[in-house]
Amino acid sequence: MSIVDDLISNLIERNALRLSGALAITLVDGGVSINGTLRSTLRDQTKNKDILNVNIPVDAHVNVDDIVIALPTIP
């Protein structure tokens, strides 16, 4: 096997990712605001052991341009 095959095998086939948490999505002037916290756990399935635990704070604001909807001409 090549080094790439071994790397993919170790990262994808042996490990599982658990993602949990809550996000609040709020409509604000000009876009959307997303706030919350995600918790992620990377687990080695062959050794049955958690490898990495991460708490990820999320605070994002996405701007949305004006949306123009063309109306059909009514005769």
N, C-alpha and C. Protein backbone atom coordinates (compact mmCIF):
# COMPACT_ATOMS: atom_id res chain seq x y z
N MET A 1 0.83 -1.18 0.00
CA MET A 1 0.00 0.00 0.00
C MET A 1 0.88 1.25 0.00
N SER A 2 0.35 2.29 -0.57
CA SER A 2 1.09 3.55 -0.59
C SER A 2 0.86 4.31 0.70
N ILE A 3 1.65 5.34 0.89
CA ILE A 3 1.53 6.18 2.08
C ILE A 3 0.15 6.85 2.11
N VAL A 4 -0.34 7.28 0.95
CA VAL A 4 -1.65 7.93 0.87
C VAL A 4 -2.76 6.95 1.28
N ASP A 5 -2.68 5.71 0.80
CA ASP A 5 -3.69 4.71 1.18
C ASP A 5 -3.67 4.45 2.68
N ASP A 6 -2.48 4.37 3.26
CA ASP A 6 -2.37 4.17 4.71
C ASP A 6 -2.95 5.35 5.48
N LEU A 7 -2.67 6.57 5.01
CA LEU A 7 -3.19 7.75 5.68
C LEU A 7 -4.71 7.79 5.63
N ILE A 8 -5.27 7.53 4.47
CA ILE A 8 -6.73 7.53 4.32
C ILE A 8 -7.35 6.42 5.18
N SER A 9 -6.73 5.27 5.18
CA SER A 9 -7.22 4.16 5.99
C SER A 9 -7.23 4.52 7.47
N ASN A 10 -6.15 5.14 7.94
CA ASN A 10 -6.06 5.49 9.35
C ASN A 10 -7.02 6.61 9.74
N LEU A 11 -7.18 7.58 8.88
CA LEU A 11 -8.02 8.73 9.23
C LEU A 11 -9.50 8.48 9.04
N ILE A 12 -9.88 7.79 7.98
CA ILE A 12 -11.29 7.67 7.65
C ILE A 12 -11.89 6.35 8.11
N GLU A 13 -11.24 5.26 7.82
CA GLU A 13 -11.82 3.95 8.12
C GLU A 13 -11.79 3.61 9.60
N ARG A 14 -10.77 4.04 10.31
CA ARG A 14 -10.63 3.67 11.72
C ARG A 14 -11.30 4.65 12.67
N ASN A 15 -11.51 5.89 12.23
CA ASN A 15 -11.98 6.93 13.14
C ASN A 15 -13.43 7.31 12.86
N ALA A 16 -14.10 7.77 13.91
CA ALA A 16 -15.47 8.25 13.80
C ALA A 16 -15.53 9.64 14.42
N LEU A 17 -16.35 10.50 13.85
CA LEU A 17 -16.51 11.86 14.34
C LEU A 17 -17.92 12.03 14.88
N ARG A 18 -18.02 12.49 16.12
CA ARG A 18 -19.32 12.76 16.73
C ARG A 18 -19.44 14.28 16.89
N LEU A 19 -20.52 14.85 16.36
CA LEU A 19 -20.73 16.28 16.41
C LEU A 19 -22.07 16.56 17.06
N SER A 20 -22.06 17.42 18.08
CA SER A 20 -23.31 17.79 18.75
C SER A 20 -23.23 19.26 19.15
N GLY A 21 -24.35 19.81 19.54
CA GLY A 21 -24.38 21.20 19.95
C GLY A 21 -25.65 21.86 19.50
N ALA A 22 -25.67 23.18 19.60
CA ALA A 22 -26.85 23.95 19.22
C ALA A 22 -26.43 25.25 18.56
N LEU A 23 -27.18 25.63 17.54
CA LEU A 23 -26.94 26.89 16.85
C LEU A 23 -28.24 27.69 16.84
N ALA A 24 -28.14 28.99 17.05
CA ALA A 24 -29.29 29.89 16.95
C ALA A 24 -29.11 30.72 15.69
N ILE A 25 -30.09 30.66 14.81
CA ILE A 25 -30.05 31.40 13.56
C ILE A 25 -31.08 32.53 13.66
N THR A 26 -30.61 33.76 13.52
CA THR A 26 -31.46 34.92 13.69
C THR A 26 -31.41 35.78 12.43
N LEU A 27 -32.58 36.21 11.97
CA LEU A 27 -32.62 37.14 10.84
C LEU A 27 -32.36 38.55 11.37
N VAL A 28 -31.38 39.23 10.79
CA VAL A 28 -31.04 40.59 11.18
C VAL A 28 -31.06 41.47 9.93
N ASP A 29 -30.98 42.78 10.13
CA ASP A 29 -30.97 43.71 9.00
C ASP A 29 -29.81 43.37 8.06
N GLY A 30 -30.11 43.03 6.84
CA GLY A 30 -29.08 42.79 5.84
C GLY A 30 -28.51 41.39 5.83
N GLY A 31 -29.04 40.46 6.62
CA GLY A 31 -28.47 39.12 6.59
C GLY A 31 -28.96 38.20 7.68
N VAL A 32 -28.07 37.31 8.08
CA VAL A 32 -28.39 36.27 9.06
C VAL A 32 -27.26 36.22 10.09
N SER A 33 -27.61 36.05 11.35
CA SER A 33 -26.64 35.90 12.42
C SER A 33 -26.73 34.47 12.97
N ILE A 34 -25.58 33.82 13.12
CA ILE A 34 -25.54 32.44 13.62
C ILE A 34 -24.65 32.42 14.87
N ASN A 35 -25.20 31.96 15.99
CA ASN A 35 -24.47 31.89 17.26
C ASN A 35 -24.70 30.53 17.89
N GLY A 36 -23.72 30.05 18.63
CA GLY A 36 -23.88 28.80 19.36
C GLY A 36 -22.55 28.14 19.64
N THR A 37 -22.63 26.88 20.03
CA THR A 37 -21.44 26.10 20.35
C THR A 37 -21.61 24.69 19.80
N LEU A 38 -20.56 24.19 19.18
CA LEU A 38 -20.53 22.81 18.69
C LEU A 38 -19.48 22.04 19.49
N ARG A 39 -19.79 20.80 19.78
CA ARG A 39 -18.85 19.91 20.47
C ARG A 39 -18.51 18.75 19.53
N SER A 40 -17.24 18.50 19.36
CA SER A 40 -16.80 17.46 18.43
C SER A 40 -15.87 16.49 19.15
N THR A 41 -16.07 15.19 18.89
CA THR A 41 -15.22 14.16 19.46
C THR A 41 -14.74 13.25 18.33
N LEU A 42 -13.43 13.07 18.23
CA LEU A 42 -12.83 12.16 17.27
C LEU A 42 -12.46 10.89 18.02
N ARG A 43 -13.01 9.74 17.57
CA ARG A 43 -12.83 8.47 18.28
C ARG A 43 -12.17 7.43 17.40
N ASP A 44 -11.13 6.77 17.91
CA ASP A 44 -10.47 5.67 17.23
C ASP A 44 -11.28 4.41 17.51
N GLN A 45 -11.91 3.86 16.46
CA GLN A 45 -12.81 2.73 16.64
C GLN A 45 -12.07 1.42 16.92
N THR A 46 -10.86 1.28 16.41
CA THR A 46 -10.15 0.03 16.65
C THR A 46 -9.64 -0.06 18.09
N LYS A 47 -9.21 1.06 18.66
CA LYS A 47 -8.73 1.07 20.04
C LYS A 47 -9.84 1.43 21.02
N ASN A 48 -11.02 1.82 20.48
CA ASN A 48 -12.16 2.21 21.30
C ASN A 48 -11.78 3.29 22.31
N LYS A 49 -11.13 4.36 21.76
CA LYS A 49 -10.60 5.42 22.61
C LYS A 49 -10.83 6.77 21.93
N ASP A 50 -11.23 7.78 22.73
CA ASP A 50 -11.37 9.14 22.21
C ASP A 50 -9.99 9.73 21.99
N ILE A 51 -9.79 10.31 20.80
CA ILE A 51 -8.50 10.90 20.46
C ILE A 51 -8.49 12.39 20.71
N LEU A 52 -9.61 13.06 20.37
CA LEU A 52 -9.65 14.51 20.43
C LEU A 52 -11.05 14.98 20.81
N ASN A 53 -11.14 15.90 21.77
CA ASN A 53 -12.40 16.55 22.15
C ASN A 53 -12.22 18.04 21.93
N VAL A 54 -13.15 18.66 21.19
CA VAL A 54 -13.04 20.07 20.88
C VAL A 54 -14.38 20.76 21.09
N ASN A 55 -14.38 21.91 21.75
CA ASN A 55 -15.54 22.79 21.85
C ASN A 55 -15.31 23.93 20.87
N ILE A 56 -16.26 24.15 19.97
CA ILE A 56 -16.10 25.14 18.91
C ILE A 56 -17.17 26.22 19.08
N PRO A 57 -16.77 27.44 19.48
CA PRO A 57 -17.75 28.52 19.54
C PRO A 57 -18.03 29.03 18.13
N VAL A 58 -19.29 29.32 17.84
CA VAL A 58 -19.68 29.81 16.52
C VAL A 58 -20.32 31.19 16.70
N ASP A 59 -19.78 32.18 16.01
CA ASP A 59 -20.34 33.53 16.02
C ASP A 59 -20.12 34.09 14.62
N ALA A 60 -21.15 34.01 13.78
CA ALA A 60 -21.01 34.41 12.38
C ALA A 60 -22.15 35.33 11.97
N HIS A 61 -21.83 36.22 11.06
CA HIS A 61 -22.83 37.11 10.48
C HIS A 61 -22.67 37.03 8.97
N VAL A 62 -23.73 36.66 8.29
CA VAL A 62 -23.70 36.52 6.83
C VAL A 62 -24.58 37.60 6.23
N ASN A 63 -23.99 38.40 5.33
CA ASN A 63 -24.75 39.44 4.64
C ASN A 63 -25.41 38.87 3.40
N VAL A 64 -26.66 39.29 3.19
CA VAL A 64 -27.42 38.85 2.01
C VAL A 64 -27.83 40.10 1.24
N ASP A 65 -27.50 40.16 -0.04
CA ASP A 65 -27.90 41.29 -0.87
C ASP A 65 -29.41 41.27 -1.08
N ASP A 66 -29.90 42.39 -1.61
CA ASP A 66 -31.33 42.48 -1.92
C ASP A 66 -31.70 41.42 -2.95
N ILE A 67 -32.86 40.84 -2.76
CA ILE A 67 -33.36 39.84 -3.69
C ILE A 67 -34.46 40.49 -4.53
N VAL A 68 -34.29 40.43 -5.83
CA VAL A 68 -35.26 41.03 -6.75
C VAL A 68 -36.01 39.91 -7.45
N ILE A 69 -37.32 39.94 -7.33
CA ILE A 69 -38.16 38.93 -7.98
C ILE A 69 -38.91 39.62 -9.11
N ALA A 70 -38.64 39.18 -10.33
CA ALA A 70 -39.31 39.77 -11.50
C ALA A 70 -40.73 39.23 -11.59
N LEU A 71 -41.68 40.15 -11.71
CA LEU A 71 -43.08 39.73 -11.85
C LEU A 71 -43.45 39.70 -13.32
N PRO A 72 -44.26 38.73 -13.72
CA PRO A 72 -44.65 38.66 -15.12
C PRO A 72 -45.61 39.80 -15.47
N THR A 73 -45.59 40.18 -16.74
CA THR A 73 -46.50 41.23 -17.21
C THR A 73 -47.90 40.66 -17.32
N ILE A 74 -48.84 41.34 -16.71
CA ILE A 74 -50.24 40.90 -16.76
C ILE A 74 -50.95 41.74 -17.83
N PRO A 75 -51.49 41.06 -18.88
CA PRO A 75 -52.13 41.83 -19.97
C PRO A 75 -53.45 42.44 -19.56
